[in-house]
Amino acid sequence: MECNWDWQCRSTIPLKSMLKGLPQNEWLNVPVPVKCFDDGNFDLSKVTTPFILYTGGRMDIDIRSISLITLPEGAFGC
């Protein structure tokens, strides 16, 4: 995520462990709580780029949609 249209205001999380055990070749919902991006220096009220995906190796992925939604408290951890 990026905030305030500033690449220096960026927070990232690794997805490898989250995606590693998922079944292949089927559509899945993978919720990632926004609070996982809050490292204490990230202004969640000024998100301007909600999704940047980069990898250090080969990865095949199809993304149908990305949404910011409210999850029930305690539903998922980081």
C-alpha atoms as a PDB file:
ATOM      1  CA  MET A   1       0.000   0.000   0.000  1.00  0.00           C
ATOM      2  CA  GLU A   2       1.033   3.543  -0.574  1.00  0.00           C
ATOM      3  CA  CYS A   3      -0.240   6.724   1.068  1.00  0.00           C
ATOM      4  CA  ASN A   4      -0.383  10.379   0.145  1.00  0.00           C
ATOM      5  CA  TRP A   5       0.819   9.701  -3.443  1.00  0.00           C
ATOM      6  CA  ASP A   6       4.320   9.249  -2.029  1.00  0.00           C
ATOM      7  CA  TRP A   7       6.433   6.142  -2.683  1.00  0.00           C
ATOM      8  CA  GLN A   8       8.255   6.855   0.584  1.00  0.00           C
ATOM      9  CA  CYS A   9       4.954   6.389   2.418  1.00  0.00           C
ATOM     10  CA  ARG A  10       4.681   2.716   1.569  1.00  0.00           C
ATOM     11  CA  SER A  11       3.979  -0.352   3.652  1.00  0.00           C
ATOM     12  CA  THR A  12       4.392  -3.933   2.454  1.00  0.00           C
ATOM     13  CA  ILE A  13       3.616  -7.402   3.708  1.00  0.00           C
ATOM     14  CA  PRO A  14       4.937 -10.746   2.441  1.00  0.00           C
ATOM     15  CA  LEU A  15       2.279 -12.908   0.798  1.00  0.00           C
ATOM     16  CA  LYS A  16       4.351 -16.062   0.261  1.00  0.00           C
ATOM     17  CA  SER A  17       3.290 -17.861   3.435  1.00  0.00           C
ATOM     18  CA  MET A  18      -0.320 -16.755   2.929  1.00  0.00           C
ATOM     19  CA  LEU A  19      -0.494 -18.046  -0.668  1.00  0.00           C
ATOM     20  CA  LYS A  20       1.815 -21.071  -0.408  1.00  0.00           C
ATOM     21  CA  GLY A  21      -0.689 -23.597   0.936  1.00  0.00           C
ATOM     22  CA  LEU A  22      -3.671 -22.534  -1.183  1.00  0.00           C
ATOM     23  CA  PRO A  23      -5.070 -24.834  -3.881  1.00  0.00           C
ATOM     24  CA  GLN A  24      -4.076 -24.007  -7.444  1.00  0.00           C
ATOM     25  CA  ASN A  25      -6.340 -23.447 -10.443  1.00  0.00           C
ATOM     26  CA  GLU A  26      -9.385 -22.309  -8.500  1.00  0.00           C
ATOM     27  CA  TRP A  27     -10.749 -18.898  -7.510  1.00  0.00           C
ATOM     28  CA  LEU A  28     -10.345 -17.992  -3.860  1.00  0.00           C
ATOM     29  CA  ASN A  29     -10.965 -15.029  -1.598  1.00  0.00           C
ATOM     30  CA  VAL A  30      -7.828 -14.100   0.306  1.00  0.00           C
ATOM     31  CA  PRO A  31      -8.582 -11.446   2.939  1.00  0.00           C
ATOM     32  CA  VAL A  32      -5.652  -9.347   4.115  1.00  0.00           C
ATOM     33  CA  PRO A  33      -6.551  -7.060   7.019  1.00  0.00           C
ATOM     34  CA  VAL A  34      -5.530  -3.445   6.398  1.00  0.00           C
ATOM     35  CA  LYS A  35      -4.160  -3.333   9.939  1.00  0.00           C
ATOM     36  CA  CYS A  36      -1.379  -5.664   8.724  1.00  0.00           C
ATOM     37  CA  PHE A  37       0.018  -2.721   6.743  1.00  0.00           C
ATOM     38  CA  ASP A  38       0.058  -0.381   9.751  1.00  0.00           C
ATOM     39  CA  ASP A  39       3.642  -0.393  10.993  1.00  0.00           C
ATOM     40  CA  GLY A  40       3.124   2.761  13.058  1.00  0.00           C
ATOM     41  CA  ASN A  41       4.439   5.043  10.306  1.00  0.00           C
ATOM     42  CA  PHE A  42       1.741   4.453   7.696  1.00  0.00           C
ATOM     43  CA  ASP A  43      -1.254   6.783   7.499  1.00  0.00           C
ATOM     44  CA  LEU A  44      -4.194   4.477   6.752  1.00  0.00           C
ATOM     45  CA  SER A  45      -6.483   7.497   6.309  1.00  0.00           C
ATOM     46  CA  LYS A  46      -4.520   8.630   3.233  1.00  0.00           C
ATOM     47  CA  VAL A  47      -4.240   5.425   1.164  1.00  0.00           C
ATOM     48  CA  THR A  48      -3.786   6.382  -2.494  1.00  0.00           C
ATOM     49  CA  THR A  49      -2.454   3.148  -4.008  1.00  0.00           C
ATOM     50  CA  PRO A  50      -4.053   0.149  -2.312  1.00  0.00           C
ATOM     51  CA  PHE A  51      -2.273  -2.558  -4.271  1.00  0.00           C
ATOM     52  CA  ILE A  52       1.214  -2.975  -5.691  1.00  0.00           C
ATOM     53  CA  LEU A  53       2.368  -6.516  -6.394  1.00  0.00           C
ATOM     54  CA  TYR A  54       5.982  -7.412  -6.978  1.00  0.00           C
ATOM     55  CA  THR A  55       7.963 -10.615  -6.743  1.00  0.00           C
ATOM     56  CA  GLY A  56      11.590 -11.645  -6.578  1.00  0.00           C
ATOM     57  CA  GLY A  57      10.915 -14.752  -8.651  1.00  0.00           C
ATOM     58  CA  ARG A  58       8.425 -16.423 -10.966  1.00  0.00           C
ATOM     59  CA  MET A  59       4.753 -16.203 -10.049  1.00  0.00           C
ATOM     60  CA  ASP A  60       1.578 -16.840 -12.041  1.00  0.00           C
ATOM     61  CA  ILE A  61      -1.526 -15.212 -10.609  1.00  0.00           C
ATOM     62  CA  ASP A  62      -4.880 -13.982 -11.899  1.00  0.00           C
ATOM     63  CA  ILE A  63      -6.613 -11.288  -9.888  1.00  0.00           C
ATOM     64  CA  ARG A  64     -10.305 -10.732 -10.454  1.00  0.00           C
ATOM     65  CA  SER A  65     -10.898  -7.904  -8.019  1.00  0.00           C
ATOM     66  CA  ILE A  66      -9.459  -6.101  -5.049  1.00  0.00           C
ATOM     67  CA  SER A  67     -11.737  -4.529  -2.474  1.00  0.00           C
ATOM     68  CA  LEU A  68     -11.320  -2.681   0.770  1.00  0.00           C
ATOM     69  CA  ILE A  69     -13.995  -4.041   3.080  1.00  0.00           C
ATOM     70  CA  THR A  70     -14.613  -4.171   6.814  1.00  0.00           C
ATOM     71  CA  LEU A  71     -13.978  -7.551   8.403  1.00  0.00           C
ATOM     72  CA  PRO A  72     -15.437  -8.593  11.734  1.00  0.00           C
ATOM     73  CA  GLU A  73     -13.122  -7.794  14.651  1.00  0.00           C
ATOM     74  CA  GLY A  74     -10.752 -10.691  15.267  1.00  0.00           C
ATOM     75  CA  ALA A  75     -11.732 -12.453  12.036  1.00  0.00           C
ATOM     76  CA  PHE A  76      -8.209 -12.751  10.679  1.00  0.00           C
ATOM     77  CA  GLY A  77      -4.755 -12.071  12.010  1.00  0.00           C
ATOM     78  CA  CYS A  78      -1.689 -10.828  10.176  1.00  0.00           C
END
